[in-house]
């Protein structure tokens, strides 16, 4: 992840953009779930989840990973920095495990990538069901 810090006014603009896109991907996740297109529902929910994490990172740290595979650049050190900055501004986060912010997008991205490229299951819509689509939407919300 680059060391450059985004200027405050650009942070807010970027955060608004991430929020708008995240909401749209969540809307699409729900739409495709209703159409029983489970894989497209999960894919759009994953995009919403990842954009939400990037939103948090840009607001708290002033930067975010500029890659689709940002799970590869997430480190324990980065989680500690995020926890420190949030605690400094908002007090204790003992009830919200920061690790979940990183684990959930990593879990879904790996799951989806495996079903698309690494699995021998056939069509990805046959791998996911309405239960997985609902879970992914719940994580995105």
C-alpha atoms as a PDB file:
ATOM      1  CA  UNK A   1       0.000   0.000   0.000  1.00  0.00           C
ATOM      2  CA  UNK A   2       1.366   3.385  -0.949  1.00  0.00           C
ATOM      3  CA  UNK A   3       2.596   5.745   1.723  1.00  0.00           C
ATOM      4  CA  UNK A   4       0.888   8.806   0.246  1.00  0.00           C
ATOM      5  CA  UNK A   5      -1.774  10.357   2.423  1.00  0.00           C
ATOM      6  CA  UNK A   6      -4.867  11.777   0.752  1.00  0.00           C
ATOM      7  CA  UNK A   7      -5.662  15.407   1.581  1.00  0.00           C
ATOM      8  CA  UNK A   8      -8.614  15.855   3.968  1.00  0.00           C
ATOM      9  CA  UNK A   9     -10.967  17.318   1.340  1.00  0.00           C
ATOM     10  CA  UNK A  10     -10.066  14.493  -1.027  1.00  0.00           C
ATOM     11  CA  UNK A  11     -10.575  11.940   1.772  1.00  0.00           C
ATOM     12  CA  UNK A  12     -14.166  13.052   2.226  1.00  0.00           C
ATOM     13  CA  UNK A  13     -14.798  13.031  -1.517  1.00  0.00           C
ATOM     14  CA  UNK A  14     -13.243   9.574  -1.896  1.00  0.00           C
ATOM     15  CA  UNK A  15     -15.223   8.286   1.113  1.00  0.00           C
ATOM     16  CA  UNK A  16     -18.498   9.575  -0.385  1.00  0.00           C
ATOM     17  CA  UNK A  17     -17.612   7.886  -3.667  1.00  0.00           C
ATOM     18  CA  UNK A  18     -16.837   4.582  -1.904  1.00  0.00           C
ATOM     19  CA  UNK A  19     -20.092   4.807   0.066  1.00  0.00           C
ATOM     20  CA  UNK A  20     -22.161   5.486  -3.058  1.00  0.00           C
ATOM     21  CA  UNK A  21     -20.543   2.586  -4.932  1.00  0.00           C
ATOM     22  CA  UNK A  22     -20.820   0.273  -1.924  1.00  0.00           C
ATOM     23  CA  UNK A  23     -24.546   0.953  -1.637  1.00  0.00           C
ATOM     24  CA  UNK A  24     -25.026   0.314  -5.358  1.00  0.00           C
ATOM     25  CA  UNK A  25     -23.192  -3.014  -5.182  1.00  0.00           C
ATOM     26  CA  UNK A  26     -25.288  -3.976  -2.152  1.00  0.00           C
ATOM     27  CA  UNK A  27     -28.447  -3.065  -4.075  1.00  0.00           C
ATOM     28  CA  UNK A  28     -27.270  -5.277  -6.951  1.00  0.00           C
ATOM     29  CA  UNK A  29     -26.451  -8.099  -4.528  1.00  0.00           C
ATOM     30  CA  UNK A  30     -30.029  -8.017  -3.259  1.00  0.00           C
ATOM     31  CA  UNK A  31     -31.417  -7.725  -6.795  1.00  0.00           C
ATOM     32  CA  UNK A  32     -29.517 -10.802  -8.006  1.00  0.00           C
ATOM     33  CA  UNK A  33     -30.460 -12.751  -4.879  1.00  0.00           C
ATOM     34  CA  UNK A  34     -34.122 -12.107  -5.678  1.00  0.00           C
ATOM     35  CA  UNK A  35     -33.441 -13.348  -9.233  1.00  0.00           C
ATOM     36  CA  UNK A  36     -31.779 -16.477  -7.762  1.00  0.00           C
ATOM     37  CA  UNK A  37     -28.479 -15.604  -9.415  1.00  0.00           C
ATOM     38  CA  UNK A  38     -26.522 -16.567  -6.326  1.00  0.00           C
ATOM     39  CA  UNK A  39     -23.036 -16.074  -7.768  1.00  0.00           C
ATOM     40  CA  UNK A  40     -23.815 -12.554  -8.985  1.00  0.00           C
ATOM     41  CA  UNK A  41     -25.391 -11.749  -5.647  1.00  0.00           C
ATOM     42  CA  UNK A  42     -22.255 -12.898  -3.807  1.00  0.00           C
ATOM     43  CA  UNK A  43     -19.941 -11.103  -6.253  1.00  0.00           C
ATOM     44  CA  UNK A  44     -21.740  -7.778  -5.827  1.00  0.00           C
ATOM     45  CA  UNK A  45     -21.919  -8.196  -2.057  1.00  0.00           C
ATOM     46  CA  UNK A  46     -18.156  -8.806  -1.992  1.00  0.00           C
ATOM     47  CA  UNK A  47     -17.594  -5.570  -3.911  1.00  0.00           C
ATOM     48  CA  UNK A  48     -19.766  -3.735  -1.383  1.00  0.00           C
ATOM     49  CA  UNK A  49     -17.821  -5.231   1.530  1.00  0.00           C
ATOM     50  CA  UNK A  50     -14.444  -4.316   0.029  1.00  0.00           C
ATOM     51  CA  UNK A  51     -15.510  -0.746  -0.725  1.00  0.00           C
ATOM     52  CA  UNK A  52     -16.801  -0.369   2.836  1.00  0.00           C
ATOM     53  CA  UNK A  53     -13.421  -1.415   4.208  1.00  0.00           C
ATOM     54  CA  UNK A  54     -11.651   0.990   1.865  1.00  0.00           C
ATOM     55  CA  UNK A  55     -14.025   3.741   3.031  1.00  0.00           C
ATOM     56  CA  UNK A  56     -13.060   3.101   6.660  1.00  0.00           C
ATOM     57  CA  UNK A  57      -9.371   3.034   5.781  1.00  0.00           C
ATOM     58  CA  UNK A  58      -9.441   6.281   3.801  1.00  0.00           C
ATOM     59  CA  UNK A  59     -11.276   8.095   6.599  1.00  0.00           C
ATOM     60  CA  UNK A  60      -9.187   6.720   9.456  1.00  0.00           C
ATOM     61  CA  UNK A  61      -5.744   6.228   7.897  1.00  0.00           C
ATOM     62  CA  UNK A  62      -5.945   8.699   5.016  1.00  0.00           C
ATOM     63  CA  UNK A  63      -5.055   5.976   2.504  1.00  0.00           C
ATOM     64  CA  UNK A  64      -6.325   2.700   1.119  1.00  0.00           C
ATOM     65  CA  UNK A  65      -5.008  -0.159  -1.011  1.00  0.00           C
ATOM     66  CA  UNK A  66      -5.359   0.634  -4.702  1.00  0.00           C
ATOM     67  CA  UNK A  67      -5.713  -2.936  -5.866  1.00  0.00           C
ATOM     68  CA  UNK A  68      -8.511  -5.461  -6.199  1.00  0.00           C
ATOM     69  CA  UNK A  69      -6.381  -7.982  -4.323  1.00  0.00           C
ATOM     70  CA  UNK A  70      -5.885  -5.700  -1.364  1.00  0.00           C
ATOM     71  CA  UNK A  71      -6.105  -8.621   1.036  1.00  0.00           C
ATOM     72  CA  UNK A  72      -2.504  -9.329   0.040  1.00  0.00           C
ATOM     73  CA  UNK A  73      -1.330  -5.969   1.414  1.00  0.00           C
ATOM     74  CA  UNK A  74      -3.275  -6.145   4.679  1.00  0.00           C
ATOM     75  CA  UNK A  75      -0.978  -6.872   7.587  1.00  0.00           C
ATOM     76  CA  UNK A  76      -1.136  -7.195  11.341  1.00  0.00           C
ATOM     77  CA  UNK A  77       0.718  -3.871  11.505  1.00  0.00           C
ATOM     78  CA  UNK A  78      -1.981  -2.202   9.412  1.00  0.00           C
ATOM     79  CA  UNK A  79      -4.708  -3.608  11.676  1.00  0.00           C
ATOM     80  CA  UNK A  80      -2.840  -2.280  14.730  1.00  0.00           C
ATOM     81  CA  UNK A  81      -2.547   1.181  13.129  1.00  0.00           C
ATOM     82  CA  UNK A  82      -6.251   1.206  12.341  1.00  0.00           C
ATOM     83  CA  UNK A  83      -7.174   0.080  15.864  1.00  0.00           C
ATOM     84  CA  UNK A  84      -4.844   2.695  17.402  1.00  0.00           C
ATOM     85  CA  UNK A  85      -6.250   5.569  15.330  1.00  0.00           C
ATOM     86  CA  UNK A  86      -9.888   4.582  15.929  1.00  0.00           C
ATOM     87  CA  UNK A  87      -9.291   4.130  19.671  1.00  0.00           C
ATOM     88  CA  UNK A  88      -7.519   7.474  19.853  1.00  0.00           C
ATOM     89  CA  UNK A  89     -10.536   9.259  18.372  1.00  0.00           C
ATOM     90  CA  UNK A  90     -13.477   7.091  19.457  1.00  0.00           C
ATOM     91  CA  UNK A  91     -12.340   5.385  22.646  1.00  0.00           C
ATOM     92  CA  UNK A  92     -12.200   1.645  23.223  1.00  0.00           C
ATOM     93  CA  UNK A  93     -13.309  -0.771  20.539  1.00  0.00           C
ATOM     94  CA  UNK A  94     -13.395  -3.821  22.772  1.00  0.00           C
ATOM     95  CA  UNK A  95     -16.811  -4.830  21.445  1.00  0.00           C
ATOM     96  CA  UNK A  96     -15.882  -4.501  17.748  1.00  0.00           C
ATOM     97  CA  UNK A  97     -13.051  -6.821  16.706  1.00  0.00           C
ATOM     98  CA  UNK A  98     -11.012  -4.932  14.095  1.00  0.00           C
ATOM     99  CA  UNK A  99      -9.793  -8.259  12.708  1.00  0.00           C
ATOM    100  CA  UNK A 100     -13.297  -8.973  11.372  1.00  0.00           C
ATOM    101  CA  UNK A 101     -13.024  -5.904   9.135  1.00  0.00           C
ATOM    102  CA  UNK A 102     -10.177  -7.651   7.343  1.00  0.00           C
ATOM    103  CA  UNK A 103     -11.215 -11.280   7.691  1.00  0.00           C
ATOM    104  CA  UNK A 104     -14.672 -10.981   6.133  1.00  0.00           C
ATOM    105  CA  UNK A 105     -13.577  -9.438   2.807  1.00  0.00           C
ATOM    106  CA  UNK A 106     -10.640 -11.852   2.646  1.00  0.00           C
ATOM    107  CA  UNK A 107     -12.929 -14.835   3.259  1.00  0.00           C
ATOM    108  CA  UNK A 108     -15.407 -13.832   0.553  1.00  0.00           C
ATOM    109  CA  UNK A 109     -12.793 -12.848  -2.019  1.00  0.00           C
ATOM    110  CA  UNK A 110     -10.990 -16.170  -1.631  1.00  0.00           C
ATOM    111  CA  UNK A 111     -14.241 -18.084  -1.741  1.00  0.00           C
ATOM    112  CA  UNK A 112     -15.389 -16.387  -4.920  1.00  0.00           C
ATOM    113  CA  UNK A 113     -12.000 -16.598  -6.647  1.00  0.00           C
ATOM    114  CA  UNK A 114     -11.833 -20.307  -5.874  1.00  0.00           C
ATOM    115  CA  UNK A 115     -15.276 -21.031  -7.278  1.00  0.00           C
ATOM    116  CA  UNK A 116     -14.530 -19.069 -10.456  1.00  0.00           C
ATOM    117  CA  UNK A 117     -10.943 -20.133 -11.186  1.00  0.00           C
ATOM    118  CA  UNK A 118      -9.742 -22.862  -8.855  1.00  0.00           C
ATOM    119  CA  UNK A 119     -12.684 -25.094  -8.235  1.00  0.00           C
ATOM    120  CA  UNK A 120     -13.845 -27.991 -10.292  1.00  0.00           C
ATOM    121  CA  UNK A 121     -17.450 -27.568  -9.300  1.00  0.00           C
ATOM    122  CA  UNK A 122     -18.880 -26.388 -12.579  1.00  0.00           C
ATOM    123  CA  UNK A 123     -20.892 -23.213 -12.782  1.00  0.00           C
ATOM    124  CA  UNK A 124     -20.348 -20.865  -9.830  1.00  0.00           C
ATOM    125  CA  UNK A 125     -24.099 -20.338  -9.538  1.00  0.00           C
ATOM    126  CA  UNK A 126     -24.325 -24.033  -8.649  1.00  0.00           C
ATOM    127  CA  UNK A 127     -21.793 -23.592  -5.819  1.00  0.00           C
ATOM    128  CA  UNK A 128     -23.574 -20.791  -4.001  1.00  0.00           C
ATOM    129  CA  UNK A 129     -27.111 -21.010  -2.720  1.00  0.00           C
ATOM    130  CA  UNK A 130     -29.530 -18.489  -1.328  1.00  0.00           C
ATOM    131  CA  UNK A 131     -27.960 -19.065   2.102  1.00  0.00           C
ATOM    132  CA  UNK A 132     -24.523 -17.887   0.955  1.00  0.00           C
ATOM    133  CA  UNK A 133     -26.093 -14.968  -0.907  1.00  0.00           C
ATOM    134  CA  UNK A 134     -27.957 -13.950   2.254  1.00  0.00           C
ATOM    135  CA  UNK A 135     -24.810 -14.277   4.366  1.00  0.00           C
ATOM    136  CA  UNK A 136     -22.770 -12.154   1.935  1.00  0.00           C
ATOM    137  CA  UNK A 137     -25.501  -9.507   1.883  1.00  0.00           C
ATOM    138  CA  UNK A 138     -25.613  -9.561   5.688  1.00  0.00           C
ATOM    139  CA  UNK A 139     -21.861  -8.999   5.829  1.00  0.00           C
ATOM    140  CA  UNK A 140     -22.155  -6.146   3.339  1.00  0.00           C
ATOM    141  CA  UNK A 141     -24.921  -4.478   5.366  1.00  0.00           C
END
